[in-house]
Amino acid sequence: DRPGGYTRVLKTGFRQGDGAEMALIELVDFNEAALASAPK
């Protein structure tokens, strides 16, 4: 039923070795912790 926007990119900081900017990419409907706890 979702019309789009299936993934979420969260920036997590910089990598220790070369300083590359790191990110966490996840499927939106499968992050149960964020769905259940954060808005409440």
PDB file of all heavy atoms in Angstrom:
ATOM      1  N   ASP A   1       0.801  -1.214   0.000  1.00  0.00           N
ATOM      2  CA  ASP A   1       0.000   0.000   0.000  1.00  0.00           C
ATOM      3  C   ASP A   1       0.840   1.274   0.000  1.00  0.00           C
ATOM      4  O   ASP A   1       0.308   2.369  -0.104  1.00  0.00           O
ATOM      5  CB  ASP A   1      -0.927   0.019   1.223  1.00  0.00           C
ATOM      6  CG  ASP A   1      -0.156  -0.114   2.522  1.00  0.00           C
ATOM      7  OD1 ASP A   1       0.990  -0.589   2.476  1.00  0.00           O
ATOM      8  OD2 ASP A   1      -0.702   0.263   3.574  1.00  0.00           O
ATOM      9  N   ARG A   2       2.152   1.158   0.102  1.00  0.00           N
ATOM     10  CA  ARG A   2       3.035   2.340   0.119  1.00  0.00           C
ATOM     11  C   ARG A   2       3.282   2.814  -1.316  1.00  0.00           C
ATOM     12  O   ARG A   2       3.666   2.032  -2.174  1.00  0.00           O
ATOM     13  CB  ARG A   2       4.353   1.968   0.805  1.00  0.00           C
ATOM     14  CG  ARG A   2       5.330   3.119   0.931  1.00  0.00           C
ATOM     15  CD  ARG A   2       6.583   2.686   1.647  1.00  0.00           C
ATOM     16  NE  ARG A   2       6.351   2.546   3.071  1.00  0.00           N
ATOM     17  CZ  ARG A   2       6.466   3.546   3.942  1.00  0.00           C
ATOM     18  NH1 ARG A   2       6.788   4.744   3.518  1.00  0.00           N
ATOM     19  NH2 ARG A   2       6.254   3.339   5.219  1.00  0.00           N
ATOM     20  N   PRO A   3       3.088   4.099  -1.601  1.00  0.00           N
ATOM     21  CA  PRO A   3       3.244   4.578  -2.980  1.00  0.00           C
ATOM     22  C   PRO A   3       4.684   4.828  -3.410  1.00  0.00           C
ATOM     23  O   PRO A   3       4.944   5.156  -4.557  1.00  0.00           O
ATOM     24  CB  PRO A   3       2.458   5.889  -2.981  1.00  0.00           C
ATOM     25  CG  PRO A   3       2.526   6.352  -1.579  1.00  0.00           C
ATOM     26  CD  PRO A   3       2.538   5.116  -0.726  1.00  0.00           C
ATOM     27  N   GLY A   4       5.644   4.702  -2.537  1.00  0.00           N
ATOM     28  CA  GLY A   4       7.050   4.939  -2.881  1.00  0.00           C
ATOM     29  C   GLY A   4       7.825   5.212  -1.614  1.00  0.00           C
ATOM     30  O   GLY A   4       7.284   5.169  -0.511  1.00  0.00           O
ATOM     31  N   GLY A   5       9.102   5.505  -1.757  1.00  0.00           N
ATOM     32  CA  GLY A   5       9.920   5.802  -0.594  1.00  0.00           C
ATOM     33  C   GLY A   5      10.110   4.593   0.288  1.00  0.00           C
ATOM     34  O   GLY A   5       9.799   4.617   1.473  1.00  0.00           O
ATOM     35  N   TYR A   6      10.628   3.521  -0.277  1.00  0.00           N
ATOM     36  CA  TYR A   6      10.748   2.252   0.446  1.00  0.00           C
ATOM     37  C   TYR A   6      12.007   2.172   1.296  1.00  0.00           C
ATOM     38  O   TYR A   6      12.125   1.293   2.131  1.00  0.00           O
ATOM     39  CB  TYR A   6      10.759   1.091  -0.544  1.00  0.00           C
ATOM     40  CG  TYR A   6       9.658   1.154  -1.564  1.00  0.00           C
ATOM     41  CD1 TYR A   6       9.937   1.385  -2.902  1.00  0.00           C
ATOM     42  CD2 TYR A   6       8.327   1.008  -1.181  1.00  0.00           C
ATOM     43  CE1 TYR A   6       8.923   1.448  -3.835  1.00  0.00           C
ATOM     44  CE2 TYR A   6       7.314   1.080  -2.112  1.00  0.00           C
ATOM     45  CZ  TYR A   6       7.619   1.302  -3.445  1.00  0.00           C
ATOM     46  OH  TYR A   6       6.621   1.383  -4.366  1.00  0.00           O
ATOM     47  N   THR A   7      12.972   3.055   1.043  1.00  0.00           N
ATOM     48  CA  THR A   7      14.229   3.006   1.773  1.00  0.00           C
ATOM     49  C   THR A   7      14.480   4.314   2.499  1.00  0.00           C
ATOM     50  O   THR A   7      13.935   5.355   2.150  1.00  0.00           O
ATOM     51  CB  THR A   7      15.418   2.729   0.824  1.00  0.00           C
ATOM     52  OG1 THR A   7      15.462   3.739  -0.173  1.00  0.00           O
ATOM     53  CG2 THR A   7      15.297   1.371   0.183  1.00  0.00           C
ATOM     54  N   ARG A   8      15.335   4.228   3.514  1.00  0.00           N
ATOM     55  CA  ARG A   8      15.708   5.404   4.310  1.00  0.00           C
ATOM     56  C   ARG A   8      17.224   5.413   4.435  1.00  0.00           C
ATOM     57  O   ARG A   8      17.833   4.384   4.731  1.00  0.00           O
ATOM     58  CB  ARG A   8      15.067   5.277   5.697  1.00  0.00           C
ATOM     59  CG  ARG A   8      15.466   6.324   6.683  1.00  0.00           C
ATOM     60  CD  ARG A   8      14.915   6.036   8.066  1.00  0.00           C
ATOM     61  NE  ARG A   8      13.455   6.001   8.083  1.00  0.00           N
ATOM     62  CZ  ARG A   8      12.726   5.012   8.586  1.00  0.00           C
ATOM     63  NH1 ARG A   8      13.314   3.960   9.122  1.00  0.00           N
ATOM     64  NH2 ARG A   8      11.427   5.061   8.582  1.00  0.00           N
ATOM     65  N   VAL A   9      17.847   6.574   4.210  1.00  0.00           N
ATOM     66  CA  VAL A   9      19.288   6.722   4.347  1.00  0.00           C
ATOM     67  C   VAL A   9      19.557   7.601   5.556  1.00  0.00           C
ATOM     68  O   VAL A   9      19.107   8.740   5.618  1.00  0.00           O
ATOM     69  CB  VAL A   9      19.914   7.355   3.079  1.00  0.00           C
ATOM     70  CG1 VAL A   9      21.399   7.578   3.272  1.00  0.00           C
ATOM     71  CG2 VAL A   9      19.671   6.477   1.867  1.00  0.00           C
ATOM     72  N   LEU A  10      20.279   7.047   6.536  1.00  0.00           N
ATOM     73  CA  LEU A  10      20.627   7.783   7.757  1.00  0.00           C
ATOM     74  C   LEU A  10      22.142   7.927   7.817  1.00  0.00           C
ATOM     75  O   LEU A  10      22.870   6.925   7.805  1.00  0.00           O
ATOM     76  CB  LEU A  10      20.154   7.005   8.997  1.00  0.00           C
ATOM     77  CG  LEU A  10      18.667   6.703   9.058  1.00  0.00           C
ATOM     78  CD1 LEU A  10      18.385   5.689  10.140  1.00  0.00           C
ATOM     79  CD2 LEU A  10      17.900   7.970   9.309  1.00  0.00           C
ATOM     80  N   LYS A  11      22.623   9.157   7.888  1.00  0.00           N
ATOM     81  CA  LYS A  11      24.066   9.387   7.949  1.00  0.00           C
ATOM     82  C   LYS A  11      24.570   9.046   9.349  1.00  0.00           C
ATOM     83  O   LYS A  11      23.955   9.428  10.341  1.00  0.00           O
ATOM     84  CB  LYS A  11      24.386  10.829   7.592  1.00  0.00           C
ATOM     85  CG  LYS A  11      24.037  11.142   6.151  1.00  0.00           C
ATOM     86  CD  LYS A  11      24.363  12.555   5.777  1.00  0.00           C
ATOM     87  CE  LYS A  11      23.981  12.798   4.329  1.00  0.00           C
ATOM     88  NZ  LYS A  11      24.235  14.178   3.926  1.00  0.00           N
ATOM     89  N   THR A  12      25.693   8.323   9.408  1.00  0.00           N
ATOM     90  CA  THR A  12      26.175   7.842  10.704  1.00  0.00           C
ATOM     91  C   THR A  12      27.528   8.408  11.113  1.00  0.00           C
ATOM     92  O   THR A  12      28.038   8.053  12.164  1.00  0.00           O
ATOM     93  CB  THR A  12      26.282   6.304  10.696  1.00  0.00           C
ATOM     94  OG1 THR A  12      27.168   5.916   9.645  1.00  0.00           O
ATOM     95  CG2 THR A  12      24.935   5.663  10.500  1.00  0.00           C
ATOM     96  N   GLY A  13      28.125   9.253  10.305  1.00  0.00           N
ATOM     97  CA  GLY A  13      29.416   9.818  10.680  1.00  0.00           C
ATOM     98  C   GLY A  13      30.466   9.522   9.633  1.00  0.00           C
ATOM     99  O   GLY A  13      30.145   9.320   8.458  1.00  0.00           O
ATOM    100  N   PHE A  14      31.715   9.487  10.073  1.00  0.00           N
ATOM    101  CA  PHE A  14      32.814   9.308   9.144  1.00  0.00           C
ATOM    102  C   PHE A  14      33.600   8.050   9.488  1.00  0.00           C
ATOM    103  O   PHE A  14      33.775   7.724  10.663  1.00  0.00           O
ATOM    104  CB  PHE A  14      33.731  10.538   9.189  1.00  0.00           C
ATOM    105  CG  PHE A  14      33.030  11.789   8.750  1.00  0.00           C
ATOM    106  CD1 PHE A  14      32.435  12.619   9.679  1.00  0.00           C
ATOM    107  CD2 PHE A  14      32.937  12.112   7.412  1.00  0.00           C
ATOM    108  CE1 PHE A  14      31.766  13.756   9.283  1.00  0.00           C
ATOM    109  CE2 PHE A  14      32.273  13.244   7.007  1.00  0.00           C
ATOM    110  CZ  PHE A  14      31.682  14.081   7.935  1.00  0.00           C
ATOM    111  N   ARG A  15      34.103   7.371   8.459  1.00  0.00           N
ATOM    112  CA  ARG A  15      34.866   6.145   8.648  1.00  0.00           C
ATOM    113  C   ARG A  15      36.240   6.485   9.213  1.00  0.00           C
ATOM    114  O   ARG A  15      36.848   7.482   8.821  1.00  0.00           O
ATOM    115  CB  ARG A  15      34.988   5.416   7.307  1.00  0.00           C
ATOM    116  CG  ARG A  15      35.584   4.044   7.414  1.00  0.00           C
ATOM    117  CD  ARG A  15      35.271   3.174   6.236  1.00  0.00           C
ATOM    118  NE  ARG A  15      35.549   3.796   4.951  1.00  0.00           N
ATOM    119  CZ  ARG A  15      35.032   3.361   3.799  1.00  0.00           C
ATOM    120  NH1 ARG A  15      34.218   2.344   3.776  1.00  0.00           N
ATOM    121  NH2 ARG A  15      35.326   3.973   2.668  1.00  0.00           N
ATOM    122  N   GLN A  16      36.715   5.661  10.115  1.00  0.00           N
ATOM    123  CA  GLN A  16      37.974   5.926  10.809  1.00  0.00           C
ATOM    124  C   GLN A  16      39.165   5.954   9.848  1.00  0.00           C
ATOM    125  O   GLN A  16      40.004   6.827   9.919  1.00  0.00           O
ATOM    126  CB  GLN A  16      38.199   4.848  11.882  1.00  0.00           C
ATOM    127  CG  GLN A  16      39.436   5.075  12.728  1.00  0.00           C
ATOM    128  CD  GLN A  16      39.292   6.275  13.644  1.00  0.00           C
ATOM    129  OE1 GLN A  16      38.208   6.569  14.120  1.00  0.00           O
ATOM    130  NE2 GLN A  16      40.385   6.983  13.872  1.00  0.00           N
ATOM    131  N   GLY A  17      39.244   5.011   8.937  1.00  0.00           N
ATOM    132  CA  GLY A  17      40.441   4.863   8.115  1.00  0.00           C
ATOM    133  C   GLY A  17      40.664   5.976   7.119  1.00  0.00           C
ATOM    134  O   GLY A  17      41.741   6.574   7.059  1.00  0.00           O
ATOM    135  N   ASP A  18      39.648   6.301   6.318  1.00  0.00           N
ATOM    136  CA  ASP A  18      39.844   7.274   5.249  1.00  0.00           C
ATOM    137  C   ASP A  18      38.933   8.494   5.357  1.00  0.00           C
ATOM    138  O   ASP A  18      38.974   9.368   4.504  1.00  0.00           O
ATOM    139  CB  ASP A  18      39.645   6.607   3.889  1.00  0.00           C
ATOM    140  CG  ASP A  18      38.261   6.020   3.715  1.00  0.00           C
ATOM    141  OD1 ASP A  18      37.481   6.023   4.691  1.00  0.00           O
ATOM    142  OD2 ASP A  18      37.955   5.547   2.616  1.00  0.00           O
ATOM    143  N   GLY A  19      38.093   8.546   6.372  1.00  0.00           N
ATOM    144  CA  GLY A  19      37.240   9.712   6.558  1.00  0.00           C
ATOM    145  C   GLY A  19      36.041   9.756   5.638  1.00  0.00           C
ATOM    146  O   GLY A  19      35.410  10.803   5.506  1.00  0.00           O
ATOM    147  N   ALA A  20      35.712   8.640   4.986  1.00  0.00           N
ATOM    148  CA  ALA A  20      34.554   8.617   4.098  1.00  0.00           C
ATOM    149  C   ALA A  20      33.277   8.755   4.919  1.00  0.00           C
ATOM    150  O   ALA A  20      33.162   8.190   6.006  1.00  0.00           O
ATOM    151  CB  ALA A  20      34.523   7.313   3.312  1.00  0.00           C
ATOM    152  N   GLU A  21      32.317   9.512   4.392  1.00  0.00           N
ATOM    153  CA  GLU A  21      31.051   9.693   5.098  1.00  0.00           C
ATOM    154  C   GLU A  21      30.230   8.409   4.996  1.00  0.00           C
ATOM    155  O   GLU A  21      29.978   7.921   3.901  1.00  0.00           O
ATOM    156  CB  GLU A  21      30.275  10.867   4.504  1.00  0.00           C
ATOM    157  CG  GLU A  21      29.090  11.256   5.324  1.00  0.00           C
ATOM    158  CD  GLU A  21      28.400  12.506   4.801  1.00  0.00           C
ATOM    159  OE1 GLU A  21      28.803  13.018   3.758  1.00  0.00           O
ATOM    160  OE2 GLU A  21      27.438  12.925   5.458  1.00  0.00           O
ATOM    161  N   MET A  22      29.833   7.875   6.133  1.00  0.00           N
ATOM    162  CA  MET A  22      29.117   6.605   6.182  1.00  0.00           C
ATOM    163  C   MET A  22      27.630   6.840   6.384  1.00  0.00           C
ATOM    164  O   MET A  22      27.218   7.868   6.948  1.00  0.00           O
ATOM    165  CB  MET A  22      29.656   5.727   7.313  1.00  0.00           C
ATOM    166  CG  MET A  22      31.123   5.373   7.163  1.00  0.00           C
ATOM    167  SD  MET A  22      31.474   4.442   5.668  1.00  0.00           S
ATOM    168  CE  MET A  22      30.819   2.864   6.122  1.00  0.00           C
ATOM    169  N   ALA A  23      26.838   5.865   5.945  1.00  0.00           N
ATOM    170  CA  ALA A  23      25.390   5.964   6.079  1.00  0.00           C
ATOM    171  C   ALA A  23      24.807   4.581   6.281  1.00  0.00           C
ATOM    172  O   ALA A  23      25.394   3.565   5.890  1.00  0.00           O
ATOM    173  CB  ALA A  23      24.778   6.609   4.841  1.00  0.00           C
ATOM    174  N   LEU A  24      23.647   4.565   6.899  1.00  0.00           N
ATOM    175  CA  LEU A  24      22.895   3.342   7.116  1.00  0.00           C
ATOM    176  C   LEU A  24      21.706   3.413   6.176  1.00  0.00           C
ATOM    177  O   LEU A  24      20.958   4.392   6.212  1.00  0.00           O
ATOM    178  CB  LEU A  24      22.429   3.301   8.571  1.00  0.00           C
ATOM    179  CG  LEU A  24      21.872   2.016   9.108  1.00  0.00           C
ATOM    180  CD1 LEU A  24      23.026   1.043   9.312  1.00  0.00           C
ATOM    181  CD2 LEU A  24      21.199   2.269  10.429  1.00  0.00           C
ATOM    182  N   ILE A  25      21.538   2.425   5.312  1.00  0.00           N
ATOM    183  CA  ILE A  25      20.364   2.390   4.438  1.00  0.00           C
ATOM    184  C   ILE A  25      19.526   1.201   4.861  1.00  0.00           C
ATOM    185  O   ILE A  25      20.047   0.111   5.099  1.00  0.00           O
ATOM    186  CB  ILE A  25      20.746   2.338   2.934  1.00  0.00           C
ATOM    187  CG1 ILE A  25      19.491   2.358   2.059  1.00  0.00           C
ATOM    188  CG2 ILE A  25      21.636   1.175   2.616  1.00  0.00           C
ATOM    189  CD1 ILE A  25      19.756   2.626   0.599  1.00  0.00           C
ATOM    190  N   GLU A  26      18.225   1.438   5.011  1.00  0.00           N
ATOM    191  CA  GLU A  26      17.341   0.392   5.500  1.00  0.00           C
ATOM    192  C   GLU A  26      16.005   0.457   4.794  1.00  0.00           C
ATOM    193  O   GLU A  26      15.624   1.497   4.248  1.00  0.00           O
ATOM    194  CB  GLU A  26      17.148   0.519   7.011  1.00  0.00           C
ATOM    195  CG  GLU A  26      16.488   1.809   7.430  1.00  0.00           C
ATOM    196  CD  GLU A  26      16.425   1.979   8.931  1.00  0.00           C
ATOM    197  OE1 GLU A  26      16.959   1.120   9.650  1.00  0.00           O
ATOM    198  OE2 GLU A  26      15.837   2.971   9.361  1.00  0.00           O
ATOM    199  N   LEU A  27      15.293  -0.670   4.827  1.00  0.00           N
ATOM    200  CA  LEU A  27      13.932  -0.704   4.308  1.00  0.00           C
ATOM    201  C   LEU A  27      13.008  -0.108   5.367  1.00  0.00           C
ATOM    202  O   LEU A  27      13.058  -0.494   6.537  1.00  0.00           O
ATOM    203  CB  LEU A  27      13.530  -2.139   3.979  1.00  0.00           C
ATOM    204  CG  LEU A  27      14.334  -2.784   2.848  1.00  0.00           C
ATOM    205  CD1 LEU A  27      13.970  -4.248   2.720  1.00  0.00           C
ATOM    206  CD2 LEU A  27      14.107  -2.069   1.535  1.00  0.00           C
ATOM    207  N   VAL A  28      12.173   0.824   4.977  1.00  0.00           N
ATOM    208  CA  VAL A  28      11.389   1.618   5.923  1.00  0.00           C
ATOM    209  C   VAL A  28      10.438   0.757   6.746  1.00  0.00           C
ATOM    210  O   VAL A  28      10.369   0.886   7.963  1.00  0.00           O
ATOM    211  CB  VAL A  28      10.607   2.714   5.164  1.00  0.00           C
ATOM    212  CG1 VAL A  28       9.646   3.417   6.081  1.00  0.00           C
ATOM    213  CG2 VAL A  28      11.572   3.698   4.550  1.00  0.00           C
ATOM    214  N   ASP A  29       9.714  -0.144   6.135  1.00  0.00           N
ATOM    215  CA  ASP A  29       8.692  -0.917   6.843  1.00  0.00           C
ATOM    216  C   ASP A  29       9.265  -2.055   7.671  1.00  0.00           C
ATOM    217  O   ASP A  29       8.508  -2.768   8.321  1.00  0.00           O
ATOM    218  CB  ASP A  29       7.678  -1.478   5.844  1.00  0.00           C
ATOM    219  CG  ASP A  29       6.826  -0.386   5.238  1.00  0.00           C
ATOM    220  OD1 ASP A  29       6.585   0.607   5.944  1.00  0.00           O
ATOM    221  OD2 ASP A  29       6.409  -0.508   4.081  1.00  0.00           O
ATOM    222  N   PHE A  30      10.566  -2.244   7.671  1.00  0.00           N
ATOM    223  CA  PHE A  30      11.148  -3.367   8.404  1.00  0.00           C
ATOM    224  C   PHE A  30      11.930  -2.936   9.621  1.00  0.00           C
ATOM    225  O   PHE A  30      12.510  -3.762  10.301  1.00  0.00           O
ATOM    226  CB  PHE A  30      12.045  -4.196   7.475  1.00  0.00           C
ATOM    227  CG  PHE A  30      11.244  -5.010   6.514  1.00  0.00           C
ATOM    228  CD1 PHE A  30      10.842  -4.481   5.302  1.00  0.00           C
ATOM    229  CD2 PHE A  30      10.849  -6.291   6.833  1.00  0.00           C
ATOM    230  CE1 PHE A  30      10.078  -5.222   4.431  1.00  0.00           C
ATOM    231  CE2 PHE A  30      10.093  -7.042   5.960  1.00  0.00           C
ATOM    232  CZ  PHE A  30       9.705  -6.499   4.758  1.00  0.00           C
ATOM    233  N   ASN A  31      11.945  -1.662   9.933  1.00  0.00           N
ATOM    234  CA  ASN A  31      12.613  -1.188  11.147  1.00  0.00           C
ATOM    235  C   ASN A  31      11.571  -1.117  12.246  1.00  0.00           C
ATOM    236  O   ASN A  31      10.955  -0.080  12.489  1.00  0.00           O
ATOM    237  CB  ASN A  31      13.265   0.172  10.905  1.00  0.00           C
ATOM    238  CG  ASN A  31      14.107   0.608  12.069  1.00  0.00           C
ATOM    239  OD1 ASN A  31      14.118  -0.033  13.114  1.00  0.00           O
ATOM    240  ND2 ASN A  31      14.819   1.694  11.889  1.00  0.00           N
ATOM    241  N   GLU A  32      11.354  -2.233  12.923  1.00  0.00           N
ATOM    242  CA  GLU A  32      10.294  -2.336  13.937  1.00  0.00           C
ATOM    243  C   GLU A  32      10.545  -1.398  15.111  1.00  0.00           C
ATOM    244  O   GLU A  32       9.618  -0.834  15.668  1.00  0.00           O
ATOM    245  CB  GLU A  32      10.191  -3.788  14.442  1.00  0.00           C
ATOM    246  CG  GLU A  32       9.875  -4.797  13.349  1.00  0.00           C
ATOM    247  CD  GLU A  32       8.561  -4.533  12.628  1.00  0.00           C
ATOM    248  OE1 GLU A  32       7.652  -3.955  13.231  1.00  0.00           O
ATOM    249  OE2 GLU A  32       8.454  -4.902  11.451  1.00  0.00           O
ATOM    250  N   ALA A  33      11.793  -1.211  15.506  1.00  0.00           N
ATOM    251  CA  ALA A  33      12.096  -0.336  16.641  1.00  0.00           C
ATOM    252  C   ALA A  33      11.694   1.102  16.343  1.00  0.00           C
ATOM    253  O   ALA A  33      11.086   1.772  17.173  1.00  0.00           O
ATOM    254  CB  ALA A  33      13.578  -0.415  16.976  1.00  0.00           C
ATOM    255  N   ALA A  34      12.013   1.578  15.143  1.00  0.00           N
ATOM    256  CA  ALA A  34      11.673   2.960  14.790  1.00  0.00           C
ATOM    257  C   ALA A  34      10.166   3.111  14.604  1.00  0.00           C
ATOM    258  O   ALA A  34       9.596   4.144  14.960  1.00  0.00           O
ATOM    259  CB  ALA A  34      12.397   3.374  13.517  1.00  0.00           C
ATOM    260  N   LEU A  35       9.520   2.097  14.060  1.00  0.00           N
ATOM    261  CA  LEU A  35       8.070   2.179  13.851  1.00  0.00           C
ATOM    262  C   LEU A  35       7.320   2.186  15.166  1.00  0.00           C
ATOM    263  O   LEU A  35       6.356   2.933  15.340  1.00  0.00           O
ATOM    264  CB  LEU A  35       7.588   0.984  13.009  1.00  0.00           C
ATOM    265  CG  LEU A  35       8.017   0.961  11.551  1.00  0.00           C
ATOM    266  CD1 LEU A  35       7.597  -0.342  10.900  1.00  0.00           C
ATOM    267  CD2 LEU A  35       7.415   2.129  10.801  1.00  0.00           C
ATOM    268  N   ALA A  36       7.741   1.385  16.111  1.00  0.00           N
ATOM    269  CA  ALA A  36       6.997   1.233  17.360  1.00  0.00           C
ATOM    270  C   ALA A  36       7.322   2.302  18.393  1.00  0.00           C
ATOM    271  O   ALA A  36       6.426   2.907  18.969  1.00  0.00           O
ATOM    272  CB  ALA A  36       7.275  -0.147  17.948  1.00  0.00           C
ATOM    273  N   SER A  37       8.591   2.568  18.642  1.00  0.00           N
ATOM    274  CA  SER A  37       8.950   3.385  19.803  1.00  0.00           C
ATOM    275  C   SER A  37       9.116   4.869  19.524  1.00  0.00           C
ATOM    276  O   SER A  37       8.693   5.683  20.330  1.00  0.00           O
ATOM    277  CB  SER A  37      10.236   2.842  20.414  1.00  0.00           C
ATOM    278  OG  SER A  37      11.296   2.998  19.498  1.00  0.00           O
ATOM    279  N   ALA A  38       9.726   5.244  18.447  1.00  0.00           N
ATOM    280  CA  ALA A  38      10.103   6.647  18.248  1.00  0.00           C
ATOM    281  C   ALA A  38       8.918   7.616  18.251  1.00  0.00           C
ATOM    282  O   ALA A  38       8.927   8.569  19.012  1.00  0.00           O
ATOM    283  CB  ALA A  38      10.910   6.788  16.963  1.00  0.00           C
ATOM    284  N   PRO A  39       7.870   7.420  17.469  1.00  0.00           N
ATOM    285  CA  PRO A  39       6.801   8.413  17.479  1.00  0.00           C
ATOM    286  C   PRO A  39       6.070   8.487  18.819  1.00  0.00           C
ATOM    287  O   PRO A  39       5.737   9.562  19.280  1.00  0.00           O
ATOM    288  CB  PRO A  39       5.848   7.947  16.380  1.00  0.00           C
ATOM    289  CG  PRO A  39       6.650   7.055  15.522  1.00  0.00           C
ATOM    290  CD  PRO A  39       7.693   6.442  16.411  1.00  0.00           C
ATOM    291  N   LYS A  40       5.841   7.352  19.475  1.00  0.00           N
ATOM    292  CA  LYS A  40       5.114   7.352  20.737  1.00  0.00           C
ATOM    293  C   LYS A  40       5.889   8.097  21.814  1.00  0.00           C
ATOM    294  O   LYS A  40       5.340   8.906  22.532  1.00  0.00           O
ATOM    295  CB  LYS A  40       4.821   5.921  21.188  1.00  0.00           C
ATOM    296  CG  LYS A  40       3.825   5.221  20.297  1.00  0.00           C
ATOM    297  CD  LYS A  40       3.598   3.813  20.765  1.00  0.00           C
ATOM    298  CE  LYS A  40       2.678   3.066  19.807  1.00  0.00           C
ATOM    299  NZ  LYS A  40       2.540   1.668  20.171  1.00  0.00           N
TER     300      LYS A  40
END
